[in-house]
Amino acid sequence: MPITLKGSERRKQRVRKAIKARAYGRPRLSVHRSDKNIYAQIIDDASGRTLASASSLDADIKGKANGGAAEGAAAVGKLVAERAKAANVSEVIFDRGAYLYHGRVKALADAAREAGLQF
């Protein structure tokens, strides 16, 4: 009997497959969003390590920007880009997971690009 996946799991697998096909050894900027917060990690899939991470719960952001809104996502994008540069990472591949490239996910990506991260 075949395993059936929910729609979000199918989208996530489809996006991840496309990312692996064009990654070229670059780390992956993975985004997770919940109702109240947003999280971003830069992951090196070859070694299985997280190189940099940021979330709207970090002390640098919490209280300054609304974590569930686009301005909080933009602050997380800027912070993860700064931490990536500190870890000598300048190019990544964007992994939106099962989320549409819209709203908070787009705000995070745009802020990371403005802060100097290339993808």
C-alpha atoms as a PDB file:
ATOM      1  CA  MET A   1       0.000   0.000   0.000  1.00  0.00           C
ATOM      2  CA  PRO A   2       1.579   3.345  -1.020  1.00  0.00           C
ATOM      3  CA  ILE A   3       2.152   6.000   1.576  1.00  0.00           C
ATOM      4  CA  THR A   4       0.044   9.091   1.005  1.00  0.00           C
ATOM      5  CA  LEU A   5       1.381  12.452   2.091  1.00  0.00           C
ATOM      6  CA  LYS A   6      -0.441  15.624   3.003  1.00  0.00           C
ATOM      7  CA  GLY A   7      -0.291  18.476   0.510  1.00  0.00           C
ATOM      8  CA  SER A   8       2.250  20.417   2.562  1.00  0.00           C
ATOM      9  CA  GLU A   9       4.562  17.411   2.759  1.00  0.00           C
ATOM     10  CA  ARG A  10       4.357  16.926  -1.010  1.00  0.00           C
ATOM     11  CA  ARG A  11       5.192  20.606  -1.590  1.00  0.00           C
ATOM     12  CA  LYS A  12       8.107  20.387   0.836  1.00  0.00           C
ATOM     13  CA  GLN A  13       9.521  17.314  -0.930  1.00  0.00           C
ATOM     14  CA  ARG A  14       9.085  18.936  -4.348  1.00  0.00           C
ATOM     15  CA  VAL A  15      10.918  22.099  -3.238  1.00  0.00           C
ATOM     16  CA  ARG A  16      13.684  20.115  -1.518  1.00  0.00           C
ATOM     17  CA  LYS A  17      14.203  17.989  -4.658  1.00  0.00           C
ATOM     18  CA  ALA A  18      14.640  21.114  -6.792  1.00  0.00           C
ATOM     19  CA  ILE A  19      17.058  22.581  -4.247  1.00  0.00           C
ATOM     20  CA  LYS A  20      19.250  19.489  -4.171  1.00  0.00           C
ATOM     21  CA  ALA A  21      19.371  19.479  -7.972  1.00  0.00           C
ATOM     22  CA  ARG A  22      20.851  22.991  -8.141  1.00  0.00           C
ATOM     23  CA  ALA A  23      22.642  23.410  -4.814  1.00  0.00           C
ATOM     24  CA  TYR A  24      26.225  23.077  -6.194  1.00  0.00           C
ATOM     25  CA  GLY A  25      27.647  22.606  -2.711  1.00  0.00           C
ATOM     26  CA  ARG A  26      26.153  25.799  -1.302  1.00  0.00           C
ATOM     27  CA  PRO A  27      24.575  25.796   2.153  1.00  0.00           C
ATOM     28  CA  ARG A  28      20.804  26.001   2.444  1.00  0.00           C
ATOM     29  CA  LEU A  29      18.850  28.848   4.058  1.00  0.00           C
ATOM     30  CA  SER A  30      15.886  27.020   5.543  1.00  0.00           C
ATOM     31  CA  VAL A  31      12.820  28.931   6.745  1.00  0.00           C
ATOM     32  CA  HIS A  32      10.181  27.798   9.210  1.00  0.00           C
ATOM     33  CA  ARG A  33       7.257  29.952  10.163  1.00  0.00           C
ATOM     34  CA  SER A  34       4.735  29.434  12.897  1.00  0.00           C
ATOM     35  CA  ASP A  35       1.709  31.528  13.768  1.00  0.00           C
ATOM     36  CA  LYS A  36       3.653  33.793  16.109  1.00  0.00           C
ATOM     37  CA  ASN A  37       7.322  33.488  15.115  1.00  0.00           C
ATOM     38  CA  ILE A  38       9.684  32.858  12.222  1.00  0.00           C
ATOM     39  CA  TYR A  39      12.949  30.907  12.216  1.00  0.00           C
ATOM     40  CA  ALA A  40      15.836  30.727   9.749  1.00  0.00           C
ATOM     41  CA  GLN A  41      18.868  28.422   9.644  1.00  0.00           C
ATOM     42  CA  ILE A  42      21.803  28.131   7.301  1.00  0.00           C
ATOM     43  CA  ILE A  43      22.551  24.422   7.004  1.00  0.00           C
ATOM     44  CA  ASP A  44      25.528  22.700   5.382  1.00  0.00           C
ATOM     45  CA  ASP A  45      23.947  19.497   4.071  1.00  0.00           C
ATOM     46  CA  ALA A  46      27.309  17.896   3.266  1.00  0.00           C
ATOM     47  CA  SER A  47      28.408  17.891   6.907  1.00  0.00           C
ATOM     48  CA  GLY A  48      24.949  18.058   8.489  1.00  0.00           C
ATOM     49  CA  ARG A  49      25.810  21.157  10.552  1.00  0.00           C
ATOM     50  CA  THR A  50      23.952  24.382  11.196  1.00  0.00           C
ATOM     51  CA  LEU A  51      26.290  27.253  10.348  1.00  0.00           C
ATOM     52  CA  ALA A  52      24.099  30.152  11.472  1.00  0.00           C
ATOM     53  CA  SER A  53      20.585  30.647  12.756  1.00  0.00           C
ATOM     54  CA  ALA A  54      18.214  33.380  13.852  1.00  0.00           C
ATOM     55  CA  SER A  55      14.633  33.616  14.995  1.00  0.00           C
ATOM     56  CA  SER A  56      12.151  36.195  16.125  1.00  0.00           C
ATOM     57  CA  LEU A  57      12.694  34.868  19.657  1.00  0.00           C
ATOM     58  CA  ASP A  58      16.370  35.978  19.730  1.00  0.00           C
ATOM     59  CA  ALA A  59      17.207  38.604  22.325  1.00  0.00           C
ATOM     60  CA  ASP A  60      18.482  40.925  19.564  1.00  0.00           C
ATOM     61  CA  ILE A  61      15.034  41.030  17.946  1.00  0.00           C
ATOM     62  CA  LYS A  62      12.472  40.178  20.631  1.00  0.00           C
ATOM     63  CA  GLY A  63      10.569  43.242  21.757  1.00  0.00           C
ATOM     64  CA  LYS A  64      11.913  45.428  18.932  1.00  0.00           C
ATOM     65  CA  ALA A  65       9.864  43.969  16.076  1.00  0.00           C
ATOM     66  CA  ASN A  66       6.668  41.965  15.996  1.00  0.00           C
ATOM     67  CA  GLY A  67       7.862  38.403  15.410  1.00  0.00           C
ATOM     68  CA  GLY A  68       4.693  37.313  13.646  1.00  0.00           C
ATOM     69  CA  ALA A  69       4.632  40.182  11.184  1.00  0.00           C
ATOM     70  CA  ALA A  70       6.661  41.081   8.100  1.00  0.00           C
ATOM     71  CA  GLU A  71       8.861  43.533  10.013  1.00  0.00           C
ATOM     72  CA  GLY A  72       9.873  40.771  12.414  1.00  0.00           C
ATOM     73  CA  ALA A  73      10.666  38.486   9.489  1.00  0.00           C
ATOM     74  CA  ALA A  74      12.779  41.221   7.917  1.00  0.00           C
ATOM     75  CA  ALA A  75      14.711  41.625  11.160  1.00  0.00           C
ATOM     76  CA  VAL A  76      15.335  37.861  11.249  1.00  0.00           C
ATOM     77  CA  GLY A  77      16.533  37.924   7.628  1.00  0.00           C
ATOM     78  CA  LYS A  78      18.983  40.723   8.371  1.00  0.00           C
ATOM     79  CA  LEU A  79      20.260  38.986  11.512  1.00  0.00           C
ATOM     80  CA  VAL A  80      20.756  35.596   9.822  1.00  0.00           C
ATOM     81  CA  ALA A  81      22.665  37.310   6.980  1.00  0.00           C
ATOM     82  CA  GLU A  82      24.961  39.049   9.483  1.00  0.00           C
ATOM     83  CA  ARG A  83      25.590  35.769  11.307  1.00  0.00           C
ATOM     84  CA  ALA A  84      26.245  34.007   7.994  1.00  0.00           C
ATOM     85  CA  LYS A  85      28.861  36.573   7.050  1.00  0.00           C
ATOM     86  CA  ALA A  86      30.502  36.040  10.441  1.00  0.00           C
ATOM     87  CA  ALA A  87      30.628  32.305   9.583  1.00  0.00           C
ATOM     88  CA  ASN A  88      32.211  33.119   6.164  1.00  0.00           C
ATOM     89  CA  VAL A  89      29.092  32.218   4.179  1.00  0.00           C
ATOM     90  CA  SER A  90      28.125  34.578   1.362  1.00  0.00           C
ATOM     91  CA  GLU A  91      26.136  32.364  -1.029  1.00  0.00           C
ATOM     92  CA  VAL A  92      23.225  30.127  -0.061  1.00  0.00           C
ATOM     93  CA  ILE A  93      20.273  28.465  -1.698  1.00  0.00           C
ATOM     94  CA  PHE A  94      16.842  29.464  -0.384  1.00  0.00           C
ATOM     95  CA  ASP A  95      14.622  26.693   1.010  1.00  0.00           C
ATOM     96  CA  ARG A  96      11.109  27.983   1.598  1.00  0.00           C
ATOM     97  CA  GLY A  97       9.867  24.539   2.579  1.00  0.00           C
ATOM     98  CA  ALA A  98       6.136  24.123   2.025  1.00  0.00           C
ATOM     99  CA  TYR A  99       5.476  27.858   2.435  1.00  0.00           C
ATOM    100  CA  LEU A 100       4.551  30.139  -0.436  1.00  0.00           C
ATOM    101  CA  TYR A 101       7.088  32.813  -1.361  1.00  0.00           C
ATOM    102  CA  HIS A 102       4.837  35.557  -0.065  1.00  0.00           C
ATOM    103  CA  GLY A 103       4.410  37.731   3.006  1.00  0.00           C
ATOM    104  CA  ARG A 104       6.766  36.899   5.872  1.00  0.00           C
ATOM    105  CA  VAL A 105       8.842  34.409   3.873  1.00  0.00           C
ATOM    106  CA  LYS A 106       9.411  36.983   1.119  1.00  0.00           C
ATOM    107  CA  ALA A 107      10.211  39.707   3.692  1.00  0.00           C
ATOM    108  CA  LEU A 108      12.855  37.473   5.283  1.00  0.00           C
ATOM    109  CA  ALA A 109      14.409  36.652   1.904  1.00  0.00           C
ATOM    110  CA  ASP A 110      14.463  40.278   0.761  1.00  0.00           C
ATOM    111  CA  ALA A 111      16.071  41.460   4.015  1.00  0.00           C
ATOM    112  CA  ALA A 112      18.721  38.736   3.805  1.00  0.00           C
ATOM    113  CA  ARG A 113      19.533  39.806   0.233  1.00  0.00           C
ATOM    114  CA  GLU A 114      19.765  43.467   1.268  1.00  0.00           C
ATOM    115  CA  ALA A 115      22.156  42.496   4.060  1.00  0.00           C
ATOM    116  CA  GLY A 116      24.500  40.918   1.505  1.00  0.00           C
ATOM    117  CA  LEU A 117      23.523  37.251   1.333  1.00  0.00           C
ATOM    118  CA  GLN A 118      23.404  36.012  -2.268  1.00  0.00           C
ATOM    119  CA  PHE A 119      20.801  33.536  -3.514  1.00  0.00           C
END
